[in-house]
Amino acid sequence: MHNLNKVAKVIIIILSLSCMLLTYLYISSLINLQRTDVIVAEQKVNEQVLNFSKLFFDKVLQGSKEVSFDDRLLLENGVRSLNDREIFDSWTKFTNSRNQGEIQGNFYNLFQLLLEKIKP
């Protein structure tokens, strides 16, 4: 009977330690999952900004003619899909530019902002 109590105590200690270990592993997994979610969200933003930057570069900078209505609509929808107020405001300034000097300055500001939004 006395040996049975010792065996029961050892089993209880082993089970308690196992529960503590599993709890620790579970919590550390949750923390890693949260970090991963943040990284994935940042990568999605990076991808969206890069896609818009490429579209902007292809349609505006490399275009040999005036930007068509369809391309302007595509660019407008692209900038709105970023859901970034700062980029949208910079885009609005660029599209509302009146002369060549304003266009160049606002283009530089927009492109610099797009590059800054990309996180390594």
PDB file of N, CA and C in Angstrom:
ATOM      1  N   MET A   1       0.816  -1.188   0.000  1.00  0.00           N
ATOM      2  CA  MET A   1       0.000   0.000   0.000  1.00  0.00           C
ATOM      3  C   MET A   1       0.863   1.257   0.000  1.00  0.00           C
ATOM      4  N   HIS A   2       1.946   1.203   0.769  1.00  0.00           N
ATOM      5  CA  HIS A   2       2.851   2.344   0.848  1.00  0.00           C
ATOM      6  C   HIS A   2       3.536   2.593  -0.498  1.00  0.00           C
ATOM      7  N   ASN A   3       3.912   1.512  -1.196  1.00  0.00           N
ATOM      8  CA  ASN A   3       4.535   1.633  -2.519  1.00  0.00           C
ATOM      9  C   ASN A   3       3.551   2.190  -3.547  1.00  0.00           C
ATOM     10  N   LEU A   4       2.269   1.848  -3.366  1.00  0.00           N
ATOM     11  CA  LEU A   4       1.239   2.335  -4.278  1.00  0.00           C
ATOM     12  C   LEU A   4       1.106   3.844  -4.173  1.00  0.00           C
ATOM     13  N   ASN A   5       1.219   4.415  -2.964  1.00  0.00           N
ATOM     14  CA  ASN A   5       1.161   5.868  -2.770  1.00  0.00           C
ATOM     15  C   ASN A   5       2.357   6.551  -3.433  1.00  0.00           C
ATOM     16  N   LYS A   6       3.550   5.949  -3.319  1.00  0.00           N
ATOM     17  CA  LYS A   6       4.734   6.521  -3.950  1.00  0.00           C
ATOM     18  C   LYS A   6       4.587   6.517  -5.474  1.00  0.00           C
ATOM     19  N   VAL A   7       4.090   5.416  -6.014  1.00  0.00           N
ATOM     20  CA  VAL A   7       3.888   5.319  -7.465  1.00  0.00           C
ATOM     21  C   VAL A   7       2.858   6.367  -7.913  1.00  0.00           C
ATOM     22  N   ALA A   8       1.791   6.531  -7.156  1.00  0.00           N
ATOM     23  CA  ALA A   8       0.752   7.512  -7.489  1.00  0.00           C
ATOM     24  C   ALA A   8       1.331   8.917  -7.458  1.00  0.00           C
ATOM     25  N   LYS A   9       2.168   9.211  -6.449  1.00  0.00           N
ATOM     26  CA  LYS A   9       2.788  10.538  -6.354  1.00  0.00           C
ATOM     27  C   LYS A   9       3.719  10.790  -7.538  1.00  0.00           C
ATOM     28  N   VAL A  10       4.505   9.798  -7.921  1.00  0.00           N
ATOM     29  CA  VAL A  10       5.416   9.936  -9.063  1.00  0.00           C
ATOM     30  C   VAL A  10       4.616  10.167 -10.339  1.00  0.00           C
ATOM     31  N   ILE A  11       3.534   9.437 -10.521  1.00  0.00           N
ATOM     32  CA  ILE A  11       2.693   9.601 -11.718  1.00  0.00           C
ATOM     33  C   ILE A  11       2.076  11.002 -11.737  1.00  0.00           C
ATOM     34  N   ILE A  12       1.621  11.481 -10.600  1.00  0.00           N
ATOM     35  CA  ILE A  12       1.034  12.827 -10.514  1.00  0.00           C
ATOM     36  C   ILE A  12       2.084  13.888 -10.845  1.00  0.00           C
ATOM     37  N   ILE A  13       3.294  13.715 -10.330  1.00  0.00           N
ATOM     38  CA  ILE A  13       4.368  14.670 -10.627  1.00  0.00           C
ATOM     39  C   ILE A  13       4.702  14.651 -12.113  1.00  0.00           C
ATOM     40  N   ILE A  14       4.814  13.472 -12.692  1.00  0.00           N
ATOM     41  CA  ILE A  14       5.123  13.353 -14.126  1.00  0.00           C
ATOM     42  C   ILE A  14       4.014  13.992 -14.961  1.00  0.00           C
ATOM     43  N   LEU A  15       2.770  13.729 -14.621  1.00  0.00           N
ATOM     44  CA  LEU A  15       1.646  14.317 -15.356  1.00  0.00           C
ATOM     45  C   LEU A  15       1.612  15.843 -15.198  1.00  0.00           C
ATOM     46  N   SER A  16       1.895  16.329 -14.004  1.00  0.00           N
ATOM     47  CA  SER A  16       1.918  17.779 -13.769  1.00  0.00           C
ATOM     48  C   SER A  16       3.008  18.449 -14.598  1.00  0.00           C
ATOM     49  N   LEU A  17       4.212  17.844 -14.598  1.00  0.00           N
ATOM     50  CA  LEU A  17       5.309  18.392 -15.389  1.00  0.00           C
ATOM     51  C   LEU A  17       4.988  18.339 -16.883  1.00  0.00           C
ATOM     52  N   SER A  18       4.352  17.276 -17.312  1.00  0.00           N
ATOM     53  CA  SER A  18       3.955  17.145 -18.712  1.00  0.00           C
ATOM     54  C   SER A  18       2.953  18.235 -19.094  1.00  0.00           C
ATOM     55  N   CYS A  19       1.998  18.491 -18.219  1.00  0.00           N
ATOM     56  CA  CYS A  19       1.010  19.548 -18.480  1.00  0.00           C
ATOM     57  C   CYS A  19       1.683  20.918 -18.557  1.00  0.00           C
ATOM     58  N   MET A  20       2.636  21.175 -17.661  1.00  0.00           N
ATOM     59  CA  MET A  20       3.351  22.454 -17.688  1.00  0.00           C
ATOM     60  C   MET A  20       4.161  22.602 -18.979  1.00  0.00           C
ATOM     61  N   LEU A  21       4.810  21.534 -19.390  1.00  0.00           N
ATOM     62  CA  LEU A  21       5.600  21.561 -20.628  1.00  0.00           C
ATOM     63  C   LEU A  21       4.697  21.804 -21.833  1.00  0.00           C
ATOM     64  N   LEU A  22       3.580  21.098 -21.893  1.00  0.00           N
ATOM     65  CA  LEU A  22       2.656  21.279 -23.007  1.00  0.00           C
ATOM     66  C   LEU A  22       2.057  22.686 -23.026  1.00  0.00           C
ATOM     67  N   THR A  23       1.781  23.238 -21.857  1.00  0.00           N
ATOM     68  CA  THR A  23       1.270  24.608 -21.772  1.00  0.00           C
ATOM     69  C   THR A  23       2.311  25.594 -22.287  1.00  0.00           C
ATOM     70  N   TYR A  24       3.557  25.404 -21.893  1.00  0.00           N
ATOM     71  CA  TYR A  24       4.642  26.259 -22.363  1.00  0.00           C
ATOM     72  C   TYR A  24       4.773  26.171 -23.889  1.00  0.00           C
ATOM     73  N   LEU A  25       4.760  24.965 -24.411  1.00  0.00           N
ATOM     74  CA  LEU A  25       4.879  24.785 -25.862  1.00  0.00           C
ATOM     75  C   LEU A  25       3.702  25.410 -26.600  1.00  0.00           C
ATOM     76  N   TYR A  26       2.518  25.298 -26.048  1.00  0.00           N
ATOM     77  CA  TYR A  26       1.321  25.883 -26.656  1.00  0.00           C
ATOM     78  C   TYR A  26       1.428  27.404 -26.699  1.00  0.00           C
ATOM     79  N   ILE A  27       1.822  28.003 -25.587  1.00  0.00           N
ATOM     80  CA  ILE A  27       1.937  29.462 -25.521  1.00  0.00           C
ATOM     81  C   ILE A  27       3.033  29.961 -26.457  1.00  0.00           C
ATOM     82  N   SER A  28       4.161  29.283 -26.501  1.00  0.00           N
ATOM     83  CA  SER A  28       5.227  29.705 -27.407  1.00  0.00           C
ATOM     84  C   SER A  28       4.800  29.551 -28.868  1.00  0.00           C
ATOM     85  N   SER A  29       3.995  28.551 -29.166  1.00  0.00           N
ATOM     86  CA  SER A  29       3.471  28.386 -30.529  1.00  0.00           C
ATOM     87  C   SER A  29       2.518  29.524 -30.890  1.00  0.00           C
ATOM     88  N   LEU A  30       1.700  29.931 -29.933  1.00  0.00           N
ATOM     89  CA  LEU A  30       0.795  31.057 -30.174  1.00  0.00           C
ATOM     90  C   LEU A  30       1.573  32.342 -30.447  1.00  0.00           C
ATOM     91  N   ILE A  31       2.621  32.574 -29.681  1.00  0.00           N
ATOM     92  CA  ILE A  31       3.445  33.759 -29.881  1.00  0.00           C
ATOM     93  C   ILE A  31       4.090  33.731 -31.271  1.00  0.00           C
ATOM     94  N   ASN A  32       4.610  32.585 -31.662  1.00  0.00           N
ATOM     95  CA  ASN A  32       5.206  32.450 -32.995  1.00  0.00           C
ATOM     96  C   ASN A  32       4.164  32.652 -34.087  1.00  0.00           C
ATOM     97  N   LEU A  33       2.969  32.174 -33.879  1.00  0.00           N
ATOM     98  CA  LEU A  33       1.900  32.348 -34.853  1.00  0.00           C
ATOM     99  C   LEU A  33       1.533  33.820 -35.006  1.00  0.00           C
ATOM    100  N   GLN A  34       1.487  34.549 -33.898  1.00  0.00           N
ATOM    101  CA  GLN A  34       1.198  35.979 -33.962  1.00  0.00           C
ATOM    102  C   GLN A  34       2.295  36.718 -34.725  1.00  0.00           C
ATOM    103  N   ARG A  35       3.538  36.365 -34.481  1.00  0.00           N
ATOM    104  CA  ARG A  35       4.649  36.980 -35.217  1.00  0.00           C
ATOM    105  C   ARG A  35       4.537  36.681 -36.701  1.00  0.00           C
ATOM    106  N   THR A  36       4.186  35.464 -37.008  1.00  0.00           N
ATOM    107  CA  THR A  36       4.037  35.064 -38.408  1.00  0.00           C
ATOM    108  C   THR A  36       2.901  35.841 -39.070  1.00  0.00           C
ATOM    109  N   ASP A  37       1.801  36.039 -38.355  1.00  0.00           N
ATOM    110  CA  ASP A  37       0.679  36.800 -38.897  1.00  0.00           C
ATOM    111  C   ASP A  37       1.092  38.233 -39.216  1.00  0.00           C
ATOM    112  N   VAL A  38       1.890  38.832 -38.350  1.00  0.00           N
ATOM    113  CA  VAL A  38       2.369  40.193 -38.590  1.00  0.00           C
ATOM    114  C   VAL A  38       3.256  40.228 -39.829  1.00  0.00           C
ATOM    115  N   ILE A  39       4.127  39.264 -39.960  1.00  0.00           N
ATOM    116  CA  ILE A  39       5.029  39.212 -41.118  1.00  0.00           C
ATOM    117  C   ILE A  39       4.239  39.016 -42.402  1.00  0.00           C
ATOM    118  N   VAL A  40       3.248  38.144 -42.369  1.00  0.00           N
ATOM    119  CA  VAL A  40       2.421  37.902 -43.557  1.00  0.00           C
ATOM    120  C   VAL A  40       1.659  39.174 -43.939  1.00  0.00           C
ATOM    121  N   ALA A  41       1.124  39.877 -42.955  1.00  0.00           N
ATOM    122  CA  ALA A  41       0.406  41.121 -43.244  1.00  0.00           C
ATOM    123  C   ALA A  41       1.341  42.153 -43.870  1.00  0.00           C
ATOM    124  N   GLU A  42       2.555  42.273 -43.346  1.00  0.00           N
ATOM    125  CA  GLU A  42       3.529  43.204 -43.922  1.00  0.00           C
ATOM    126  C   GLU A  42       3.882  42.799 -45.348  1.00  0.00           C
ATOM    127  N   GLN A  43       4.014  41.515 -45.591  1.00  0.00           N
ATOM    128  CA  GLN A  43       4.344  41.051 -46.936  1.00  0.00           C
ATOM    129  C   GLN A  43       3.203  41.324 -47.918  1.00  0.00           C
ATOM    130  N   LYS A  44       1.973  41.223 -47.461  1.00  0.00           N
ATOM    131  CA  LYS A  44       0.838  41.540 -48.326  1.00  0.00           C
ATOM    132  C   LYS A  44       0.855  43.016 -48.709  1.00  0.00           C
ATOM    133  N   VAL A  45       1.140  43.870 -47.733  1.00  0.00           N
ATOM    134  CA  VAL A  45       1.239  45.302 -48.022  1.00  0.00           C
ATOM    135  C   VAL A  45       2.376  45.552 -49.003  1.00  0.00           C
ATOM    136  N   ASN A  46       3.518  44.925 -48.769  1.00  0.00           N
ATOM    137  CA  ASN A  46       4.650  45.067 -49.684  1.00  0.00           C
ATOM    138  C   ASN A  46       4.257  44.649 -51.095  1.00  0.00           C
ATOM    139  N   GLU A  47       3.569  43.536 -51.197  1.00  0.00           N
ATOM    140  CA  GLU A  47       3.171  43.031 -52.514  1.00  0.00           C
ATOM    141  C   GLU A  47       2.221  44.005 -53.207  1.00  0.00           C
ATOM    142  N   GLN A  48       1.269  44.552 -52.464  1.00  0.00           N
ATOM    143  CA  GLN A  48       0.327  45.504 -53.050  1.00  0.00           C
ATOM    144  C   GLN A  48       1.042  46.777 -53.509  1.00  0.00           C
ATOM    145  N   VAL A  49       1.941  47.277 -52.679  1.00  0.00           N
ATOM    146  CA  VAL A  49       2.678  48.488 -53.043  1.00  0.00           C
ATOM    147  C   VAL A  49       3.555  48.230 -54.257  1.00  0.00           C
ATOM    148  N   LEU A  50       4.218  47.092 -54.282  1.00  0.00           N
ATOM    149  CA  LEU A  50       5.058  46.762 -55.433  1.00  0.00           C
ATOM    150  C   LEU A  50       4.234  46.593 -56.706  1.00  0.00           C
ATOM    151  N   ASN A  51       3.076  45.949 -56.602  1.00  0.00           N
ATOM    152  CA  ASN A  51       2.216  45.795 -57.773  1.00  0.00           C
ATOM    153  C   ASN A  51       1.756  47.144 -58.306  1.00  0.00           C
ATOM    154  N   PHE A  52       1.352  48.035 -57.395  1.00  0.00           N
ATOM    155  CA  PHE A  52       0.936  49.364 -57.839  1.00  0.00           C
ATOM    156  C   PHE A  52       2.116  50.127 -58.427  1.00  0.00           C
ATOM    157  N   SER A  53       3.276  50.019 -57.806  1.00  0.00           N
ATOM    158  CA  SER A  53       4.471  50.712 -58.311  1.00  0.00           C
ATOM    159  C   SER A  53       4.819  50.227 -59.716  1.00  0.00           C
ATOM    160  N   LYS A  54       4.723  48.943 -59.934  1.00  0.00           N
ATOM    161  CA  LYS A  54       5.010  48.388 -61.263  1.00  0.00           C
ATOM    162  C   LYS A  54       3.987  48.885 -62.282  1.00  0.00           C
ATOM    163  N   LEU A  55       2.726  48.868 -61.902  1.00  0.00           N
ATOM    164  CA  LEU A  55       1.675  49.364 -62.780  1.00  0.00           C
ATOM    165  C   LEU A  55       1.900  50.844 -63.102  1.00  0.00           C
ATOM    166  N   PHE A  56       2.213  51.617 -62.088  1.00  0.00           N
ATOM    167  CA  PHE A  56       2.481  53.047 -62.253  1.00  0.00           C
ATOM    168  C   PHE A  56       3.670  53.253 -63.191  1.00  0.00           C
ATOM    169  N   PHE A  57       4.701  52.494 -62.979  1.00  0.00           N
ATOM    170  CA  PHE A  57       5.902  52.597 -63.814  1.00  0.00           C
ATOM    171  C   PHE A  57       5.577  52.220 -65.263  1.00  0.00           C
ATOM    172  N   ASP A  58       4.863  51.112 -65.446  1.00  0.00           N
ATOM    173  CA  ASP A  58       4.547  50.641 -66.798  1.00  0.00           C
ATOM    174  C   ASP A  58       3.619  51.593 -67.547  1.00  0.00           C
ATOM    175  N   LYS A  59       2.596  52.079 -66.867  1.00  0.00           N
ATOM    176  CA  LYS A  59       1.574  52.879 -67.548  1.00  0.00           C
ATOM    177  C   LYS A  59       1.952  54.353 -67.674  1.00  0.00           C
ATOM    178  N   VAL A  60       2.650  54.893 -66.687  1.00  0.00           N
ATOM    179  CA  VAL A  60       2.934  56.327 -66.694  1.00  0.00           C
ATOM    180  C   VAL A  60       4.341  56.615 -67.190  1.00  0.00           C
ATOM    181  N   LEU A  61       5.318  55.962 -66.632  1.00  0.00           N
ATOM    182  CA  LEU A  61       6.698  56.304 -66.966  1.00  0.00           C
ATOM    183  C   LEU A  61       7.149  55.739 -68.307  1.00  0.00           C
ATOM    184  N   GLN A  62       6.788  54.512 -68.577  1.00  0.00           N
ATOM    185  CA  GLN A  62       7.249  53.902 -69.814  1.00  0.00           C
ATOM    186  C   GLN A  62       6.273  54.106 -70.962  1.00  0.00           C
ATOM    187  N   GLY A  63       5.144  54.697 -70.671  1.00  0.00           N
ATOM    188  CA  GLY A  63       4.170  54.936 -71.729  1.00  0.00           C
ATOM    189  C   GLY A  63       4.678  55.991 -72.695  1.00  0.00           C
ATOM    190  N   SER A  64       4.587  55.705 -73.954  1.00  0.00           N
ATOM    191  CA  SER A  64       5.083  56.641 -74.964  1.00  0.00           C
ATOM    192  C   SER A  64       4.005  57.642 -75.365  1.00  0.00           C
ATOM    193  N   LYS A  65       2.792  57.416 -74.924  1.00  0.00           N
ATOM    194  CA  LYS A  65       1.694  58.308 -75.260  1.00  0.00           C
ATOM    195  C   LYS A  65       0.948  58.676 -73.987  1.00  0.00           C
ATOM    196  N   GLU A  66      -0.081  59.481 -74.133  1.00  0.00           N
ATOM    197  CA  GLU A  66      -0.883  59.892 -72.986  1.00  0.00           C
ATOM    198  C   GLU A  66      -1.560  58.669 -72.374  1.00  0.00           C
ATOM    199  N   VAL A  67      -1.707  58.689 -71.064  1.00  0.00           N
ATOM    200  CA  VAL A  67      -2.311  57.570 -70.339  1.00  0.00           C
ATOM    201  C   VAL A  67      -3.792  57.497 -70.699  1.00  0.00           C
ATOM    202  N   SER A  68      -4.235  56.326 -71.121  1.00  0.00           N
ATOM    203  CA  SER A  68      -5.631  56.151 -71.540  1.00  0.00           C
ATOM    204  C   SER A  68      -6.570  56.188 -70.331  1.00  0.00           C
ATOM    205  N   PHE A  69      -7.855  56.351 -70.631  1.00  0.00           N
ATOM    206  CA  PHE A  69      -8.855  56.378 -69.573  1.00  0.00           C
ATOM    207  C   PHE A  69      -8.857  55.060 -68.794  1.00  0.00           C
ATOM    208  N   ASP A  70      -8.777  53.947 -69.515  1.00  0.00           N
ATOM    209  CA  ASP A  70      -8.772  52.636 -68.854  1.00  0.00           C
ATOM    210  C   ASP A  70      -7.562  52.476 -67.939  1.00  0.00           C
ATOM    211  N   ASP A  71      -6.416  52.949 -68.402  1.00  0.00           N
ATOM    212  CA  ASP A  71      -5.212  52.866 -67.568  1.00  0.00           C
ATOM    213  C   ASP A  71      -5.324  53.771 -66.348  1.00  0.00           C
ATOM    214  N   ARG A  72      -5.897  54.965 -66.534  1.00  0.00           N
ATOM    215  CA  ARG A  72      -6.097  55.862 -65.387  1.00  0.00           C
ATOM    216  C   ARG A  72      -7.040  55.228 -64.372  1.00  0.00           C
ATOM    217  N   LEU A  73      -8.075  54.590 -64.872  1.00  0.00           N
ATOM    218  CA  LEU A  73      -9.019  53.911 -63.975  1.00  0.00           C
ATOM    219  C   LEU A  73      -8.333  52.764 -63.240  1.00  0.00           C
ATOM    220  N   LEU A  74      -7.513  52.018 -63.954  1.00  0.00           N
ATOM    221  CA  LEU A  74      -6.762  50.924 -63.354  1.00  0.00           C
ATOM    222  C   LEU A  74      -5.816  51.444 -62.264  1.00  0.00           C
ATOM    223  N   LEU A  75      -5.142  52.530 -62.550  1.00  0.00           N
ATOM    224  CA  LEU A  75      -4.236  53.143 -61.563  1.00  0.00           C
ATOM    225  C   LEU A  75      -5.007  53.668 -60.359  1.00  0.00           C
ATOM    226  N   GLU A  76      -6.129  54.321 -60.621  1.00  0.00           N
ATOM    227  CA  GLU A  76      -6.947  54.866 -59.527  1.00  0.00           C
ATOM    228  C   GLU A  76      -7.448  53.747 -58.615  1.00  0.00           C
ATOM    229  N   ASN A  77      -7.935  52.667 -59.205  1.00  0.00           N
ATOM    230  CA  ASN A  77      -8.392  51.531 -58.399  1.00  0.00           C
ATOM    231  C   ASN A  77      -7.225  50.891 -57.649  1.00  0.00           C
ATOM    232  N   GLY A  78      -6.070  50.854 -58.294  1.00  0.00           N
ATOM    233  CA  GLY A  78      -4.888  50.289 -57.642  1.00  0.00           C
ATOM    234  C   GLY A  78      -4.460  51.075 -56.422  1.00  0.00           C
ATOM    235  N   VAL A  79      -4.474  52.400 -56.546  1.00  0.00           N
ATOM    236  CA  VAL A  79      -4.058  53.223 -55.406  1.00  0.00           C
ATOM    237  C   VAL A  79      -5.096  53.154 -54.283  1.00  0.00           C
ATOM    238  N   ARG A  80      -6.355  53.049 -54.652  1.00  0.00           N
ATOM    239  CA  ARG A  80      -7.396  52.925 -53.611  1.00  0.00           C
ATOM    240  C   ARG A  80      -7.315  51.581 -52.890  1.00  0.00           C
ATOM    241  N   SER A  81      -6.940  50.541 -53.618  1.00  0.00           N
ATOM    242  CA  SER A  81      -6.867  49.216 -52.995  1.00  0.00           C
ATOM    243  C   SER A  81      -5.741  49.114 -51.971  1.00  0.00           C
ATOM    244  N   LEU A  82      -4.772  50.027 -52.043  1.00  0.00           N
ATOM    245  CA  LEU A  82      -3.705  50.032 -51.034  1.00  0.00           C
ATOM    246  C   LEU A  82      -4.242  50.412 -49.663  1.00  0.00           C
ATOM    247  N   ASN A  83      -5.329  51.183 -49.660  1.00  0.00           N
ATOM    248  CA  ASN A  83      -5.964  51.601 -48.414  1.00  0.00           C
ATOM    249  C   ASN A  83      -4.977  52.332 -47.502  1.00  0.00           C
ATOM    250  N   ASP A  84      -4.192  53.196 -48.117  1.00  0.00           N
ATOM    251  CA  ASP A  84      -3.198  53.980 -47.385  1.00  0.00           C
ATOM    252  C   ASP A  84      -3.453  55.457 -47.689  1.00  0.00           C
ATOM    253  N   ARG A  85      -3.850  56.200 -46.691  1.00  0.00           N
ATOM    254  CA  ARG A  85      -4.233  57.599 -46.870  1.00  0.00           C
ATOM    255  C   ARG A  85      -3.074  58.442 -47.389  1.00  0.00           C
ATOM    256  N   GLU A  86      -1.901  58.193 -46.885  1.00  0.00           N
ATOM    257  CA  GLU A  86      -0.730  58.973 -47.264  1.00  0.00           C
ATOM    258  C   GLU A  86      -0.414  58.789 -48.759  1.00  0.00           C
ATOM    259  N   ILE A  87      -0.451  57.553 -49.218  1.00  0.00           N
ATOM    260  CA  ILE A  87      -0.199  57.283 -50.634  1.00  0.00           C
ATOM    261  C   ILE A  87      -1.314  57.882 -51.487  1.00  0.00           C
ATOM    262  N   PHE A  88      -2.552  57.749 -51.042  1.00  0.00           N
ATOM    263  CA  PHE A  88      -3.673  58.299 -51.803  1.00  0.00           C
ATOM    264  C   PHE A  88      -3.558  59.816 -51.923  1.00  0.00           C
ATOM    265  N   ASP A  89      -3.195  60.486 -50.832  1.00  0.00           N
ATOM    266  CA  ASP A  89      -3.033  61.941 -50.877  1.00  0.00           C
ATOM    267  C   ASP A  89      -1.916  62.340 -51.829  1.00  0.00           C
ATOM    268  N   SER A  90      -0.821  61.606 -51.806  1.00  0.00           N
ATOM    269  CA  SER A  90       0.288  61.883 -52.712  1.00  0.00           C
ATOM    270  C   SER A  90      -0.130  61.638 -54.166  1.00  0.00           C
ATOM    271  N   TRP A  91      -0.887  60.581 -54.390  1.00  0.00           N
ATOM    272  CA  TRP A  91      -1.407  60.283 -55.725  1.00  0.00           C
ATOM    273  C   TRP A  91      -2.310  61.419 -56.219  1.00  0.00           C
ATOM    274  N   THR A  92      -3.181  61.907 -55.330  1.00  0.00           N
ATOM    275  CA  THR A  92      -4.086  63.001 -55.684  1.00  0.00           C
ATOM    276  C   THR A  92      -3.294  64.250 -56.067  1.00  0.00           C
ATOM    277  N   LYS A  93      -2.261  64.557 -55.307  1.00  0.00           N
ATOM    278  CA  LYS A  93      -1.412  65.701 -55.656  1.00  0.00           C
ATOM    279  C   LYS A  93      -0.777  65.505 -57.028  1.00  0.00           C
ATOM    280  N   PHE A  94      -0.309  64.294 -57.289  1.00  0.00           N
ATOM    281  CA  PHE A  94       0.322  64.006 -58.580  1.00  0.00           C
ATOM    282  C   PHE A  94      -0.679  64.178 -59.719  1.00  0.00           C
ATOM    283  N   THR A  95      -1.876  63.636 -59.568  1.00  0.00           N
ATOM    284  CA  THR A  95      -2.861  63.703 -60.651  1.00  0.00           C
ATOM    285  C   THR A  95      -3.437  65.110 -60.829  1.00  0.00           C
ATOM    286  N   ASN A  96      -3.358  65.929 -59.797  1.00  0.00           N
ATOM    287  CA  ASN A  96      -3.868  67.298 -59.895  1.00  0.00           C
ATOM    288  C   ASN A  96      -2.779  68.304 -60.259  1.00  0.00           C
ATOM    289  N   SER A  97      -1.610  67.847 -60.594  1.00  0.00           N
ATOM    290  CA  SER A  97      -0.506  68.739 -60.954  1.00  0.00           C
ATOM    291  C   SER A  97      -0.873  69.536 -62.205  1.00  0.00           C
ATOM    292  N   ARG A  98      -0.456  70.806 -62.220  1.00  0.00           N
ATOM    293  CA  ARG A  98      -0.832  71.706 -63.311  1.00  0.00           C
ATOM    294  C   ARG A  98       0.269  71.904 -64.350  1.00  0.00           C
ATOM    295  N   ASN A  99       1.524  71.888 -63.904  1.00  0.00           N
ATOM    296  CA  ASN A  99       2.603  72.147 -64.857  1.00  0.00           C
ATOM    297  C   ASN A  99       3.694  71.096 -64.689  1.00  0.00           C
ATOM    298  N   GLN A 100       4.663  71.149 -65.584  1.00  0.00           N
ATOM    299  CA  GLN A 100       5.714  70.129 -65.619  1.00  0.00           C
ATOM    300  C   GLN A 100       6.508  70.080 -64.309  1.00  0.00           C
ATOM    301  N   GLY A 101       6.788  71.237 -63.720  1.00  0.00           N
ATOM    302  CA  GLY A 101       7.536  71.279 -62.457  1.00  0.00           C
ATOM    303  C   GLY A 101       6.781  70.594 -61.331  1.00  0.00           C
ATOM    304  N   GLU A 102       5.482  70.883 -61.242  1.00  0.00           N
ATOM    305  CA  GLU A 102       4.646  70.232 -60.221  1.00  0.00           C
ATOM    306  C   GLU A 102       4.573  68.734 -60.454  1.00  0.00           C
ATOM    307  N   ILE A 103       4.406  68.352 -61.719  1.00  0.00           N
ATOM    308  CA  ILE A 103       4.303  66.929 -62.054  1.00  0.00           C
ATOM    309  C   ILE A 103       5.558  66.192 -61.608  1.00  0.00           C
ATOM    310  N   GLN A 104       6.719  66.755 -61.923  1.00  0.00           N
ATOM    311  CA  GLN A 104       7.973  66.098 -61.554  1.00  0.00           C
ATOM    312  C   GLN A 104       8.149  66.027 -60.044  1.00  0.00           C
ATOM    313  N   GLY A 105       7.862  67.122 -59.357  1.00  0.00           N
ATOM    314  CA  GLY A 105       7.993  67.133 -57.895  1.00  0.00           C
ATOM    315  C   GLY A 105       7.045  66.160 -57.224  1.00  0.00           C
ATOM    316  N   ASN A 106       5.792  66.160 -57.675  1.00  0.00           N
ATOM    317  CA  ASN A 106       4.800  65.259 -57.080  1.00  0.00           C
ATOM    318  C   ASN A 106       5.065  63.802 -57.442  1.00  0.00           C
ATOM    319  N   PHE A 107       5.585  63.596 -58.653  1.00  0.00           N
ATOM    320  CA  PHE A 107       5.974  62.234 -59.024  1.00  0.00           C
ATOM    321  C   PHE A 107       7.086  61.735 -58.109  1.00  0.00           C
ATOM    322  N   TYR A 108       8.098  62.563 -57.902  1.00  0.00           N
ATOM    323  CA  TYR A 108       9.220  62.185 -57.034  1.00  0.00           C
ATOM    324  C   TYR A 108       8.709  61.862 -55.629  1.00  0.00           C
ATOM    325  N   ASN A 109       7.837  62.708 -55.097  1.00  0.00           N
ATOM    326  CA  ASN A 109       7.293  62.489 -53.746  1.00  0.00           C
ATOM    327  C   ASN A 109       6.496  61.189 -53.671  1.00  0.00           C
ATOM    328  N   LEU A 110       5.677  60.930 -54.693  1.00  0.00           N
ATOM    329  CA  LEU A 110       4.870  59.707 -54.705  1.00  0.00           C
ATOM    330  C   LEU A 110       5.755  58.473 -54.788  1.00  0.00           C
ATOM    331  N   PHE A 111       6.713  58.491 -55.684  1.00  0.00           N
ATOM    332  CA  PHE A 111       7.555  57.314 -55.854  1.00  0.00           C
ATOM    333  C   PHE A 111       8.417  57.074 -54.616  1.00  0.00           C
ATOM    334  N   GLN A 112       8.907  58.140 -54.012  1.00  0.00           N
ATOM    335  CA  GLN A 112       9.688  57.998 -52.777  1.00  0.00           C
ATOM    336  C   GLN A 112       8.820  57.426 -51.657  1.00  0.00           C
ATOM    337  N   LEU A 113       7.596  57.871 -51.559  1.00  0.00           N
ATOM    338  CA  LEU A 113       6.675  57.366 -50.543  1.00  0.00           C
ATOM    339  C   LEU A 113       6.380  55.879 -50.763  1.00  0.00           C
ATOM    340  N   LEU A 114       6.184  55.496 -52.017  1.00  0.00           N
ATOM    341  CA  LEU A 114       5.949  54.083 -52.319  1.00  0.00           C
ATOM    342  C   LEU A 114       7.136  53.233 -51.884  1.00  0.00           C
ATOM    343  N   LEU A 115       8.328  53.716 -52.143  1.00  0.00           N
ATOM    344  CA  LEU A 115       9.524  52.970 -51.745  1.00  0.00           C
ATOM    345  C   LEU A 115       9.653  52.888 -50.230  1.00  0.00           C
ATOM    346  N   GLU A 116       9.279  53.950 -49.535  1.00  0.00           N
ATOM    347  CA  GLU A 116       9.365  53.958 -48.070  1.00  0.00           C
ATOM    348  C   GLU A 116       8.356  52.999 -47.439  1.00  0.00           C
ATOM    349  N   LYS A 117       7.245  52.767 -48.111  1.00  0.00           N
ATOM    350  CA  LYS A 117       6.205  51.898 -47.567  1.00  0.00           C
ATOM    351  C   LYS A 117       6.606  50.423 -47.619  1.00  0.00           C
ATOM    352  N   ILE A 118       7.587  50.103 -48.436  1.00  0.00           N
ATOM    353  CA  ILE A 118       8.029  48.716 -48.545  1.00  0.00           C
ATOM    354  C   ILE A 118       8.942  48.402 -47.382  1.00  0.00           C
ATOM    355  N   LYS A 119       8.555  47.427 -46.597  1.00  0.00           N
ATOM    356  CA  LYS A 119       9.334  47.046 -45.426  1.00  0.00           C
ATOM    357  C   LYS A 119      10.182  45.818 -45.753  1.00  0.00           C
ATOM    358  N   PRO A 120      11.439  45.826 -45.297  1.00  0.00           N
ATOM    359  CA  PRO A 120      12.290  44.664 -45.571  1.00  0.00           C
ATOM    360  C   PRO A 120      11.875  43.433 -44.787  1.00  0.00           C
TER     361      PRO A 120
END
